[in-house]
Amino acid sequence: MGIDFSKKMVAIAEKMFPGIRFAQGDAQDLPCDDANFDRVLINFGLLHLSHPQQACVEAFRVLKSGGRFAFTVWAGPEENPGAKIVNDAIEAHADLGVELPKGPPHYLYGEKQECRKVLEQSGFDGRTTSFQTRVVEWTVPTARYFFEAERDAGVRTAGLLARQSPERLSAIRTAIEEGVRRYKRGNEFIIPMAAHVVVVSKG
């Protein structure tokens, strides 16, 4: 079963995977019975929630005993070259004082002990916590593509970019393009992106 808050995303998923059941819902208030699933997965969605720990609590609630909860979050710029490109451009050129919707820190759950503490508070057996950092390569066709993806398809960064003046936005775009050009290989740009993969069990 797959869940998304967006009705349009649910419709796309149903079309792509007709053999899987999808529903519109909130990860912080899952429309599911207690102890009903063997696995709960959240792929890069946890930090788009207003209360991410509540989603962990809900994952615990709907899991059977011995079930496993796994989620992914982007690693911070200190260990994630792709994130560093965007972070450096924003810190150098953006107006960081613009008003944005409230949300959790951008790189919440970036350390194993922090994750373990939150997961234990949510009911999980913290001793079973697995915290691994994985690097993948993202191939993009142009130096500008990364900026456009953040601006048009992102969430948190897109909100910040949408509130910048044309001059600041242009400077951010130029800085991101310059950063991406360092990763040119032939006619493509291959950007290293690092993420944390966290898995924990319900006792």
N, C-alpha and C. Protein backbone atom coordinates (compact mmCIF):
# COMPACT_ATOMS: atom_id res chain seq x y z
N MET A 1 0.85 -1.19 0.00
CA MET A 1 0.00 0.00 0.00
C MET A 1 0.88 1.25 0.00
N GLY A 2 0.55 2.21 -0.87
CA GLY A 2 1.29 3.46 -0.90
C GLY A 2 0.39 4.62 -0.53
N ILE A 3 0.97 5.60 0.18
CA ILE A 3 0.18 6.75 0.65
C ILE A 3 0.90 8.04 0.28
N ASP A 4 0.14 9.02 -0.19
CA ASP A 4 0.67 10.36 -0.46
C ASP A 4 -0.44 11.37 -0.15
N PHE A 5 -0.04 12.56 0.28
CA PHE A 5 -1.04 13.58 0.61
C PHE A 5 -1.67 14.18 -0.65
N SER A 6 -0.96 14.04 -1.79
CA SER A 6 -1.40 14.65 -3.04
C SER A 6 -2.28 13.69 -3.85
N LYS A 7 -3.48 14.14 -4.16
CA LYS A 7 -4.39 13.33 -4.96
C LYS A 7 -3.81 13.06 -6.35
N LYS A 8 -3.12 14.06 -6.91
CA LYS A 8 -2.52 13.89 -8.24
C LYS A 8 -1.41 12.85 -8.22
N MET A 9 -0.60 12.85 -7.16
CA MET A 9 0.48 11.87 -7.06
C MET A 9 -0.09 10.46 -6.91
N VAL A 10 -1.16 10.33 -6.16
CA VAL A 10 -1.81 9.02 -6.01
C VAL A 10 -2.31 8.54 -7.36
N ALA A 11 -2.90 9.43 -8.16
CA ALA A 11 -3.41 9.06 -9.48
C ALA A 11 -2.28 8.60 -10.40
N ILE A 12 -1.14 9.29 -10.34
CA ILE A 12 0.02 8.90 -11.16
C ILE A 12 0.53 7.53 -10.74
N ALA A 13 0.62 7.32 -9.42
CA ALA A 13 1.11 6.04 -8.91
C ALA A 13 0.18 4.89 -9.31
N GLU A 14 -1.11 5.13 -9.24
CA GLU A 14 -2.08 4.08 -9.62
C GLU A 14 -1.95 3.71 -11.09
N LYS A 15 -1.67 4.71 -11.92
CA LYS A 15 -1.51 4.46 -13.35
C LYS A 15 -0.23 3.69 -13.63
N MET A 16 0.85 4.03 -12.90
CA MET A 16 2.14 3.39 -13.13
C MET A 16 2.21 1.99 -12.55
N PHE A 17 1.53 1.78 -11.42
CA PHE A 17 1.60 0.48 -10.73
C PHE A 17 0.18 0.00 -10.41
N PRO A 18 -0.55 -0.47 -11.40
CA PRO A 18 -1.95 -0.85 -11.19
C PRO A 18 -2.15 -2.02 -10.23
N GLY A 19 -1.09 -2.77 -9.96
CA GLY A 19 -1.23 -3.91 -9.07
C GLY A 19 -1.05 -3.58 -7.60
N ILE A 20 -0.78 -2.32 -7.29
CA ILE A 20 -0.56 -1.89 -5.91
C ILE A 20 -1.68 -0.94 -5.49
N ARG A 21 -2.12 -1.05 -4.26
CA ARG A 21 -3.18 -0.17 -3.76
C ARG A 21 -2.56 1.12 -3.22
N PHE A 22 -3.13 2.25 -3.61
CA PHE A 22 -2.68 3.55 -3.15
C PHE A 22 -3.84 4.31 -2.53
N ALA A 23 -3.50 5.24 -1.62
CA ALA A 23 -4.55 6.03 -0.98
C ALA A 23 -4.00 7.41 -0.65
N GLN A 24 -4.89 8.38 -0.64
CA GLN A 24 -4.52 9.72 -0.22
C GLN A 24 -4.55 9.76 1.31
N GLY A 25 -3.48 10.29 1.91
CA GLY A 25 -3.44 10.32 3.36
C GLY A 25 -2.26 11.09 3.89
N ASP A 26 -2.16 11.14 5.21
CA ASP A 26 -1.14 11.91 5.90
C ASP A 26 -0.25 10.95 6.68
N ALA A 27 1.06 11.01 6.43
CA ALA A 27 2.00 10.13 7.13
C ALA A 27 1.99 10.37 8.63
N GLN A 28 1.50 11.53 9.05
CA GLN A 28 1.44 11.86 10.48
C GLN A 28 0.14 11.35 11.12
N ASP A 29 -0.75 10.81 10.29
CA ASP A 29 -2.03 10.28 10.77
C ASP A 29 -2.49 9.22 9.77
N LEU A 30 -1.80 8.09 9.76
CA LEU A 30 -2.01 7.07 8.74
C LEU A 30 -3.41 6.46 8.81
N PRO A 31 -4.08 6.31 7.66
CA PRO A 31 -5.41 5.71 7.63
C PRO A 31 -5.32 4.18 7.63
N CYS A 32 -4.65 3.64 8.65
CA CYS A 32 -4.37 2.21 8.71
C CYS A 32 -4.60 1.70 10.12
N ASP A 33 -4.93 0.42 10.22
CA ASP A 33 -5.13 -0.20 11.53
C ASP A 33 -3.80 -0.42 12.23
N ASP A 34 -3.86 -0.60 13.53
CA ASP A 34 -2.67 -0.92 14.31
C ASP A 34 -2.10 -2.27 13.90
N ALA A 35 -0.76 -2.39 14.02
CA ALA A 35 -0.07 -3.67 13.81
C ALA A 35 -0.52 -4.39 12.54
N ASN A 36 -0.49 -3.69 11.42
CA ASN A 36 -1.06 -4.23 10.19
C ASN A 36 -0.02 -4.48 9.09
N PHE A 37 1.24 -3.99 9.28
CA PHE A 37 2.23 -4.08 8.22
C PHE A 37 3.54 -4.68 8.71
N ASP A 38 4.25 -5.33 7.80
CA ASP A 38 5.58 -5.87 8.10
C ASP A 38 6.66 -4.82 7.89
N ARG A 39 6.43 -3.89 6.96
CA ARG A 39 7.42 -2.86 6.64
C ARG A 39 6.74 -1.51 6.42
N VAL A 40 7.41 -0.44 6.82
CA VAL A 40 6.99 0.92 6.49
C VAL A 40 8.20 1.65 5.93
N LEU A 41 8.05 2.24 4.76
CA LEU A 41 9.15 2.94 4.09
C LEU A 41 8.75 4.38 3.79
N ILE A 42 9.66 5.31 4.05
CA ILE A 42 9.46 6.71 3.67
C ILE A 42 10.71 7.16 2.93
N ASN A 43 10.56 7.43 1.65
CA ASN A 43 11.70 7.77 0.80
C ASN A 43 11.79 9.28 0.60
N PHE A 44 12.72 9.93 1.30
CA PHE A 44 12.96 11.36 1.20
C PHE A 44 11.70 12.19 1.45
N GLY A 45 10.80 11.68 2.29
CA GLY A 45 9.58 12.42 2.57
C GLY A 45 9.48 12.94 3.99
N LEU A 46 10.28 12.38 4.89
CA LEU A 46 10.12 12.67 6.31
C LEU A 46 10.27 14.16 6.62
N LEU A 47 11.24 14.82 5.99
CA LEU A 47 11.52 16.21 6.33
C LEU A 47 10.62 17.19 5.60
N HIS A 48 9.67 16.68 4.81
CA HIS A 48 8.66 17.55 4.21
C HIS A 48 7.42 17.64 5.10
N LEU A 49 7.46 16.97 6.24
CA LEU A 49 6.34 16.97 7.17
C LEU A 49 6.55 18.03 8.24
N SER A 50 5.46 18.58 8.74
CA SER A 50 5.58 19.59 9.80
C SER A 50 6.05 18.98 11.11
N HIS A 51 5.69 17.71 11.35
CA HIS A 51 6.09 17.02 12.59
C HIS A 51 6.63 15.63 12.22
N PRO A 52 7.88 15.54 11.79
CA PRO A 52 8.41 14.26 11.32
C PRO A 52 8.41 13.17 12.38
N GLN A 53 8.60 13.53 13.65
CA GLN A 53 8.60 12.47 14.67
C GLN A 53 7.23 11.83 14.79
N GLN A 54 6.16 12.58 14.52
CA GLN A 54 4.83 11.99 14.57
C GLN A 54 4.67 10.92 13.51
N ALA A 55 5.34 11.09 12.37
CA ALA A 55 5.32 10.06 11.33
C ALA A 55 6.03 8.80 11.81
N CYS A 56 7.09 8.98 12.61
CA CYS A 56 7.78 7.81 13.19
C CYS A 56 6.88 7.09 14.17
N VAL A 57 6.15 7.86 14.96
CA VAL A 57 5.19 7.27 15.91
C VAL A 57 4.13 6.48 15.17
N GLU A 58 3.64 7.04 14.06
CA GLU A 58 2.62 6.35 13.27
C GLU A 58 3.18 5.09 12.62
N ALA A 59 4.43 5.17 12.15
CA ALA A 59 5.06 3.97 11.58
C ALA A 59 5.11 2.86 12.62
N PHE A 60 5.49 3.21 13.84
CA PHE A 60 5.54 2.22 14.93
C PHE A 60 4.15 1.62 15.17
N ARG A 61 3.15 2.47 15.18
CA ARG A 61 1.78 2.02 15.48
C ARG A 61 1.28 0.99 14.47
N VAL A 62 1.53 1.22 13.19
CA VAL A 62 0.95 0.34 12.16
C VAL A 62 1.79 -0.90 11.88
N LEU A 63 3.01 -0.96 12.44
CA LEU A 63 3.86 -2.12 12.23
C LEU A 63 3.49 -3.27 13.16
N LYS A 64 3.65 -4.48 12.63
CA LYS A 64 3.52 -5.67 13.46
C LYS A 64 4.77 -5.80 14.34
N SER A 65 4.68 -6.59 15.38
CA SER A 65 5.85 -6.86 16.21
C SER A 65 6.93 -7.50 15.34
N GLY A 66 8.15 -6.98 15.45
CA GLY A 66 9.24 -7.47 14.61
C GLY A 66 9.32 -6.80 13.26
N GLY A 67 8.36 -5.92 12.94
CA GLY A 67 8.37 -5.21 11.67
C GLY A 67 9.49 -4.18 11.62
N ARG A 68 9.78 -3.68 10.44
CA ARG A 68 10.90 -2.75 10.27
C ARG A 68 10.45 -1.46 9.61
N PHE A 69 11.02 -0.37 10.08
CA PHE A 69 10.76 0.96 9.55
C PHE A 69 12.05 1.48 8.92
N ALA A 70 11.96 1.99 7.70
CA ALA A 70 13.14 2.51 7.01
C ALA A 70 12.80 3.85 6.37
N PHE A 71 13.78 4.76 6.41
CA PHE A 71 13.58 6.03 5.73
C PHE A 71 14.92 6.55 5.23
N THR A 72 14.85 7.47 4.27
CA THR A 72 16.04 8.10 3.73
C THR A 72 15.93 9.61 3.91
N VAL A 73 17.08 10.24 4.18
CA VAL A 73 17.18 11.71 4.25
C VAL A 73 18.48 12.11 3.57
N TRP A 74 18.49 13.27 2.95
CA TRP A 74 19.73 13.74 2.32
C TRP A 74 20.77 14.06 3.36
N ALA A 75 22.00 13.71 3.08
CA ALA A 75 23.12 14.08 3.95
C ALA A 75 23.41 15.57 3.79
N GLY A 76 24.03 16.17 4.79
CA GLY A 76 24.34 17.59 4.77
C GLY A 76 25.47 17.92 3.81
N PRO A 77 25.67 19.21 3.53
CA PRO A 77 26.66 19.63 2.54
C PRO A 77 28.09 19.24 2.88
N GLU A 78 28.39 18.98 4.15
CA GLU A 78 29.75 18.61 4.52
C GLU A 78 30.14 17.23 3.99
N GLU A 79 29.17 16.42 3.63
CA GLU A 79 29.46 15.09 3.08
C GLU A 79 28.65 14.77 1.83
N ASN A 80 28.00 15.78 1.27
CA ASN A 80 27.14 15.60 0.12
C ASN A 80 27.49 16.68 -0.92
N PRO A 81 28.32 16.35 -1.92
CA PRO A 81 28.76 17.35 -2.89
C PRO A 81 27.63 18.07 -3.60
N GLY A 82 26.57 17.36 -3.94
CA GLY A 82 25.44 18.00 -4.60
C GLY A 82 24.78 19.04 -3.71
N ALA A 83 24.56 18.67 -2.46
CA ALA A 83 23.95 19.61 -1.51
C ALA A 83 24.86 20.81 -1.26
N LYS A 84 26.16 20.57 -1.28
CA LYS A 84 27.11 21.67 -1.04
C LYS A 84 27.04 22.72 -2.16
N ILE A 85 26.85 22.27 -3.40
CA ILE A 85 26.72 23.21 -4.51
C ILE A 85 25.57 24.18 -4.26
N VAL A 86 24.42 23.63 -3.90
CA VAL A 86 23.23 24.45 -3.68
C VAL A 86 23.38 25.28 -2.41
N ASN A 87 23.87 24.66 -1.34
CA ASN A 87 24.02 25.36 -0.06
C ASN A 87 24.97 26.55 -0.19
N ASP A 88 26.10 26.36 -0.86
CA ASP A 88 27.07 27.45 -1.01
C ASP A 88 26.49 28.59 -1.83
N ALA A 89 25.75 28.26 -2.88
CA ALA A 89 25.14 29.30 -3.73
C ALA A 89 24.11 30.10 -2.95
N ILE A 90 23.31 29.41 -2.15
CA ILE A 90 22.27 30.10 -1.38
C ILE A 90 22.88 30.96 -0.28
N GLU A 91 23.87 30.42 0.43
CA GLU A 91 24.50 31.21 1.50
C GLU A 91 25.20 32.46 0.95
N ALA A 92 25.73 32.35 -0.26
CA ALA A 92 26.46 33.48 -0.84
C ALA A 92 25.55 34.54 -1.44
N HIS A 93 24.38 34.13 -1.95
CA HIS A 93 23.59 35.08 -2.75
C HIS A 93 22.13 35.25 -2.33
N ALA A 94 21.58 34.38 -1.53
CA ALA A 94 20.15 34.45 -1.22
C ALA A 94 19.86 35.41 -0.07
N ASP A 95 18.65 35.92 -0.08
CA ASP A 95 18.12 36.64 1.08
C ASP A 95 17.53 35.58 2.01
N LEU A 96 18.23 35.27 3.08
CA LEU A 96 17.80 34.20 3.99
C LEU A 96 16.75 34.68 4.99
N GLY A 97 16.41 35.96 4.92
CA GLY A 97 15.43 36.51 5.84
C GLY A 97 14.00 36.44 5.34
N VAL A 98 13.79 35.87 4.15
CA VAL A 98 12.43 35.79 3.62
C VAL A 98 11.61 34.85 4.48
N GLU A 99 10.31 35.10 4.53
CA GLU A 99 9.42 34.29 5.37
C GLU A 99 9.06 32.99 4.67
N LEU A 100 9.26 31.89 5.37
CA LEU A 100 8.95 30.56 4.84
C LEU A 100 8.03 29.82 5.79
N PRO A 101 7.25 28.86 5.29
CA PRO A 101 6.43 28.04 6.19
C PRO A 101 7.32 27.31 7.20
N LYS A 102 6.80 27.12 8.40
CA LYS A 102 7.57 26.44 9.43
C LYS A 102 7.79 24.98 9.04
N GLY A 103 8.97 24.48 9.38
CA GLY A 103 9.29 23.09 9.10
C GLY A 103 10.49 22.67 9.92
N PRO A 104 10.82 21.39 9.92
CA PRO A 104 11.97 20.90 10.69
C PRO A 104 13.27 21.39 10.06
N PRO A 105 14.37 21.30 10.77
CA PRO A 105 15.68 21.67 10.20
C PRO A 105 15.94 20.92 8.89
N HIS A 106 16.63 21.58 7.98
CA HIS A 106 16.85 21.04 6.64
C HIS A 106 17.55 19.69 6.67
N TYR A 107 18.48 19.51 7.60
CA TYR A 107 19.24 18.26 7.65
C TYR A 107 19.02 17.53 8.98
N LEU A 108 17.76 17.51 9.41
CA LEU A 108 17.39 16.74 10.60
C LEU A 108 17.69 15.26 10.36
N TYR A 109 18.01 14.53 11.45
CA TYR A 109 18.33 13.12 11.39
C TYR A 109 19.62 12.85 10.62
N GLY A 110 20.56 13.77 10.74
CA GLY A 110 21.82 13.62 10.03
C GLY A 110 22.87 12.82 10.77
N GLU A 111 22.57 12.42 12.01
CA GLU A 111 23.52 11.65 12.80
C GLU A 111 22.83 10.44 13.43
N LYS A 112 23.58 9.34 13.58
CA LYS A 112 22.99 8.10 14.07
C LYS A 112 22.40 8.25 15.46
N GLN A 113 23.12 8.89 16.37
CA GLN A 113 22.62 9.00 17.74
C GLN A 113 21.35 9.82 17.81
N GLU A 114 21.27 10.86 16.98
CA GLU A 114 20.06 11.67 16.93
C GLU A 114 18.88 10.82 16.45
N CYS A 115 19.11 10.03 15.40
CA CYS A 115 18.07 9.15 14.88
C CYS A 115 17.64 8.13 15.93
N ARG A 116 18.62 7.53 16.57
CA ARG A 116 18.30 6.49 17.55
C ARG A 116 17.44 7.07 18.68
N LYS A 117 17.78 8.26 19.15
CA LYS A 117 17.01 8.88 20.23
C LYS A 117 15.57 9.12 19.82
N VAL A 118 15.37 9.68 18.63
CA VAL A 118 14.02 9.97 18.15
C VAL A 118 13.23 8.68 17.96
N LEU A 119 13.87 7.66 17.40
CA LEU A 119 13.18 6.41 17.15
C LEU A 119 12.83 5.69 18.45
N GLU A 120 13.70 5.77 19.43
CA GLU A 120 13.38 5.19 20.74
C GLU A 120 12.21 5.91 21.38
N GLN A 121 12.19 7.22 21.26
CA GLN A 121 11.07 8.00 21.80
C GLN A 121 9.76 7.66 21.09
N SER A 122 9.87 7.17 19.86
CA SER A 122 8.68 6.79 19.09
C SER A 122 8.25 5.36 19.37
N GLY A 123 9.04 4.63 20.17
CA GLY A 123 8.67 3.27 20.57
C GLY A 123 9.56 2.17 20.04
N PHE A 124 10.44 2.49 19.10
CA PHE A 124 11.27 1.46 18.47
C PHE A 124 12.41 1.00 19.38
N ASP A 125 12.97 -0.16 19.03
CA ASP A 125 14.13 -0.69 19.73
C ASP A 125 15.38 -0.02 19.15
N GLY A 126 15.89 0.99 19.83
CA GLY A 126 17.02 1.76 19.32
C GLY A 126 18.27 0.95 19.07
N ARG A 127 18.40 -0.17 19.77
CA ARG A 127 19.59 -1.01 19.60
C ARG A 127 19.67 -1.61 18.20
N THR A 128 18.54 -1.66 17.50
CA THR A 128 18.52 -2.25 16.17
C THR A 128 18.76 -1.21 15.06
N THR A 129 18.99 0.03 15.45
CA THR A 129 19.12 1.09 14.45
C THR A 129 20.34 0.87 13.54
N SER A 130 20.08 0.88 12.25
CA SER A 130 21.14 0.85 11.23
C SER A 130 21.16 2.21 10.55
N PHE A 131 22.34 2.83 10.49
CA PHE A 131 22.49 4.17 9.91
C PHE A 131 23.66 4.12 8.93
N GLN A 132 23.35 4.18 7.65
CA GLN A 132 24.39 4.10 6.63
C GLN A 132 24.28 5.28 5.68
N THR A 133 25.43 5.74 5.21
CA THR A 133 25.47 6.83 4.24
C THR A 133 25.87 6.25 2.88
N ARG A 134 25.05 6.53 1.90
CA ARG A 134 25.26 6.01 0.55
C ARG A 134 25.44 7.17 -0.42
N VAL A 135 26.35 7.00 -1.38
CA VAL A 135 26.58 8.01 -2.42
C VAL A 135 26.14 7.44 -3.76
N VAL A 136 25.32 8.20 -4.45
CA VAL A 136 24.90 7.82 -5.80
C VAL A 136 25.29 8.95 -6.75
N GLU A 137 25.34 8.64 -8.02
CA GLU A 137 25.69 9.65 -9.01
C GLU A 137 24.44 10.05 -9.80
N TRP A 138 24.18 11.35 -9.83
CA TRP A 138 23.03 11.88 -10.55
C TRP A 138 23.53 12.49 -11.86
N THR A 139 23.11 11.91 -12.97
CA THR A 139 23.52 12.40 -14.28
C THR A 139 22.51 13.41 -14.81
N VAL A 140 22.98 14.61 -15.12
CA VAL A 140 22.11 15.66 -15.65
C VAL A 140 22.66 16.12 -17.00
N PRO A 141 21.78 16.58 -17.90
CA PRO A 141 22.22 16.90 -19.26
C PRO A 141 22.90 18.25 -19.42
N THR A 142 22.60 19.20 -18.53
CA THR A 142 23.18 20.54 -18.66
C THR A 142 23.56 21.06 -17.28
N ALA A 143 24.43 22.07 -17.24
CA ALA A 143 24.82 22.65 -15.97
C ALA A 143 23.65 23.35 -15.29
N ARG A 144 22.70 23.84 -16.07
CA ARG A 144 21.55 24.56 -15.51
C ARG A 144 20.49 23.62 -14.97
N TYR A 145 20.52 22.37 -15.35
CA TYR A 145 19.45 21.43 -15.00
C TYR A 145 19.27 21.31 -13.48
N PHE A 146 20.37 21.29 -12.75
CA PHE A 146 20.30 21.13 -11.29
C PHE A 146 19.52 22.31 -10.67
N PHE A 147 19.85 23.52 -11.09
CA PHE A 147 19.13 24.69 -10.59
C PHE A 147 17.65 24.61 -10.92
N GLU A 148 17.32 24.24 -12.15
CA GLU A 148 15.93 24.16 -12.57
C GLU A 148 15.16 23.10 -11.79
N ALA A 149 15.84 21.99 -11.48
CA ALA A 149 15.20 20.94 -10.70
C ALA A 149 14.88 21.42 -9.29
N GLU A 150 15.81 22.15 -8.69
CA GLU A 150 15.57 22.69 -7.35
C GLU A 150 14.45 23.73 -7.37
N ARG A 151 14.46 24.56 -8.41
CA ARG A 151 13.47 25.64 -8.51
C ARG A 151 12.06 25.13 -8.83
N ASP A 152 11.97 24.14 -9.72
CA ASP A 152 10.67 23.73 -10.24
C ASP A 152 10.11 22.46 -9.62
N ALA A 153 10.99 21.60 -9.11
CA ALA A 153 10.52 20.31 -8.61
C ALA A 153 10.87 20.08 -7.14
N GLY A 154 11.57 21.00 -6.55
CA GLY A 154 11.93 20.85 -5.14
C GLY A 154 10.78 21.26 -4.23
N VAL A 155 11.05 21.24 -2.95
CA VAL A 155 10.04 21.63 -1.96
C VAL A 155 10.61 22.75 -1.08
N ARG A 156 11.50 22.40 -0.20
CA ARG A 156 12.03 23.39 0.74
C ARG A 156 12.87 24.45 0.01
N THR A 157 13.82 24.00 -0.82
CA THR A 157 14.66 24.95 -1.54
C THR A 157 13.83 25.75 -2.54
N ALA A 158 12.87 25.10 -3.17
CA ALA A 158 12.01 25.80 -4.13
C ALA A 158 11.27 26.96 -3.46
N GLY A 159 10.81 26.74 -2.24
CA GLY A 159 10.11 27.79 -1.51
C GLY A 159 11.00 28.99 -1.25
N LEU A 160 12.26 28.73 -0.93
CA LEU A 160 13.21 29.81 -0.71
C LEU A 160 13.51 30.55 -2.01
N LEU A 161 13.74 29.79 -3.08
CA LEU A 161 14.07 30.41 -4.36
C LEU A 161 12.91 31.26 -4.89
N ALA A 162 11.69 30.80 -4.65
CA ALA A 162 10.52 31.53 -5.15
C ALA A 162 10.38 32.91 -4.51
N ARG A 163 11.04 33.12 -3.38
CA ARG A 163 10.92 34.39 -2.66
C ARG A 163 12.12 35.31 -2.86
N GLN A 164 13.00 34.96 -3.79
CA GLN A 164 14.18 35.77 -4.06
C GLN A 164 13.89 36.80 -5.16
N SER A 165 14.61 37.91 -5.12
CA SER A 165 14.50 38.91 -6.19
C SER A 165 15.09 38.33 -7.47
N PRO A 166 14.72 38.86 -8.63
CA PRO A 166 15.29 38.36 -9.89
C PRO A 166 16.82 38.41 -9.90
N GLU A 167 17.39 39.45 -9.31
CA GLU A 167 18.84 39.59 -9.28
C GLU A 167 19.48 38.50 -8.43
N ARG A 168 18.92 38.27 -7.26
CA ARG A 168 19.48 37.24 -6.38
C ARG A 168 19.29 35.85 -7.00
N LEU A 169 18.14 35.63 -7.60
CA LEU A 169 17.88 34.32 -8.21
C LEU A 169 18.87 34.06 -9.34
N SER A 170 19.17 35.08 -10.13
CA SER A 170 20.13 34.93 -11.22
C SER A 170 21.52 34.60 -10.68
N ALA A 171 21.90 35.25 -9.57
CA ALA A 171 23.22 34.99 -8.98
C ALA A 171 23.29 33.56 -8.43
N ILE A 172 22.21 33.09 -7.82
CA ILE A 172 22.17 31.72 -7.30
C ILE A 172 22.28 30.72 -8.45
N ARG A 173 21.54 30.99 -9.52
CA ARG A 173 21.60 30.10 -10.69
C ARG A 173 23.01 30.02 -11.26
N THR A 174 23.65 31.15 -11.40
CA THR A 174 25.01 31.17 -11.95
C THR A 174 25.97 30.39 -11.06
N ALA A 175 25.84 30.57 -9.74
CA ALA A 175 26.74 29.88 -8.81
C ALA A 175 26.52 28.37 -8.85
N ILE A 176 25.27 27.94 -8.95
CA ILE A 176 24.99 26.51 -9.03
C ILE A 176 25.54 25.94 -10.33
N GLU A 177 25.36 26.66 -11.42
CA GLU A 177 25.89 26.19 -12.70
C GLU A 177 27.41 26.05 -12.65
N GLU A 178 28.07 26.99 -12.03
CA GLU A 178 29.53 26.92 -11.91
C GLU A 178 29.94 25.70 -11.09
N GLY A 179 29.19 25.43 -10.02
CA GLY A 179 29.49 24.25 -9.20
C GLY A 179 29.29 22.95 -9.96
N VAL A 180 28.23 22.89 -10.75
CA VAL A 180 27.94 21.67 -11.51
C VAL A 180 29.00 21.42 -12.58
N ARG A 181 29.54 22.47 -13.16
CA ARG A 181 30.52 22.30 -14.24
C ARG A 181 31.77 21.55 -13.79
N ARG A 182 32.03 21.53 -12.50
CA ARG A 182 33.19 20.79 -12.00
C ARG A 182 33.02 19.29 -12.18
N TYR A 183 31.80 18.86 -12.42
CA TYR A 183 31.51 17.43 -12.53
C TYR A 183 31.17 17.03 -13.97
N LYS A 184 31.67 17.77 -14.92
CA LYS A 184 31.40 17.46 -16.33
C LYS A 184 32.20 16.24 -16.77
N ARG A 185 31.52 15.33 -17.45
CA ARG A 185 32.15 14.17 -18.06
C ARG A 185 31.59 14.02 -19.46
N GLY A 186 32.40 14.34 -20.43
CA GLY A 186 31.91 14.30 -21.81
C GLY A 186 30.84 15.34 -22.02
N ASN A 187 29.68 14.89 -22.47
CA ASN A 187 28.55 15.80 -22.71
C ASN A 187 27.56 15.84 -21.56
N GLU A 188 27.91 15.21 -20.44
CA GLU A 188 27.01 15.16 -19.29
C GLU A 188 27.70 15.70 -18.04
N PHE A 189 26.90 15.85 -17.01
CA PHE A 189 27.40 16.29 -15.71
C PHE A 189 26.96 15.25 -14.69
N ILE A 190 27.91 14.67 -13.96
CA ILE A 190 27.60 13.58 -13.03
C ILE A 190 27.91 14.05 -11.61
N ILE A 191 26.84 14.31 -10.87
CA ILE A 191 26.96 14.94 -9.56
C ILE A 191 26.84 13.88 -8.45
N PRO A 192 27.81 13.78 -7.55
CA PRO A 192 27.69 12.86 -6.40
C PRO A 192 26.65 13.39 -5.41
N MET A 193 25.73 12.54 -5.03
CA MET A 193 24.68 12.89 -4.06
C MET A 193 24.71 11.86 -2.92
N ALA A 194 24.79 12.33 -1.69
CA ALA A 194 24.87 11.43 -0.54
C ALA A 194 23.58 11.48 0.28
N ALA A 195 23.16 10.32 0.75
CA ALA A 195 21.95 10.21 1.56
C ALA A 195 22.18 9.23 2.70
N HIS A 196 21.46 9.43 3.78
CA HIS A 196 21.48 8.51 4.92
C HIS A 196 20.31 7.54 4.77
N VAL A 197 20.58 6.26 4.96
CA VAL A 197 19.57 5.22 4.94
C VAL A 197 19.44 4.67 6.35
N VAL A 198 18.28 4.85 6.95
CA VAL A 198 18.07 4.48 8.35
C VAL A 198 17.02 3.36 8.44
N VAL A 199 17.35 2.31 9.20
CA VAL A 199 16.43 1.18 9.38
C VAL A 199 16.39 0.83 10.87
N VAL A 200 15.19 0.56 11.36
CA VAL A 200 15.03 0.20 12.77
C VAL A 200 13.91 -0.81 12.89
N SER A 201 13.93 -1.63 13.95
CA SER A 201 12.93 -2.66 14.14
C SER A 201 12.00 -2.35 15.31
N LYS A 202 10.79 -2.87 15.20
CA LYS A 202 9.83 -2.78 16.30
C LYS A 202 9.97 -4.05 17.13
N GLY A 203 10.23 -3.89 18.40
CA GLY A 203 10.44 -5.05 19.25
C GLY A 203 9.21 -5.90 19.44
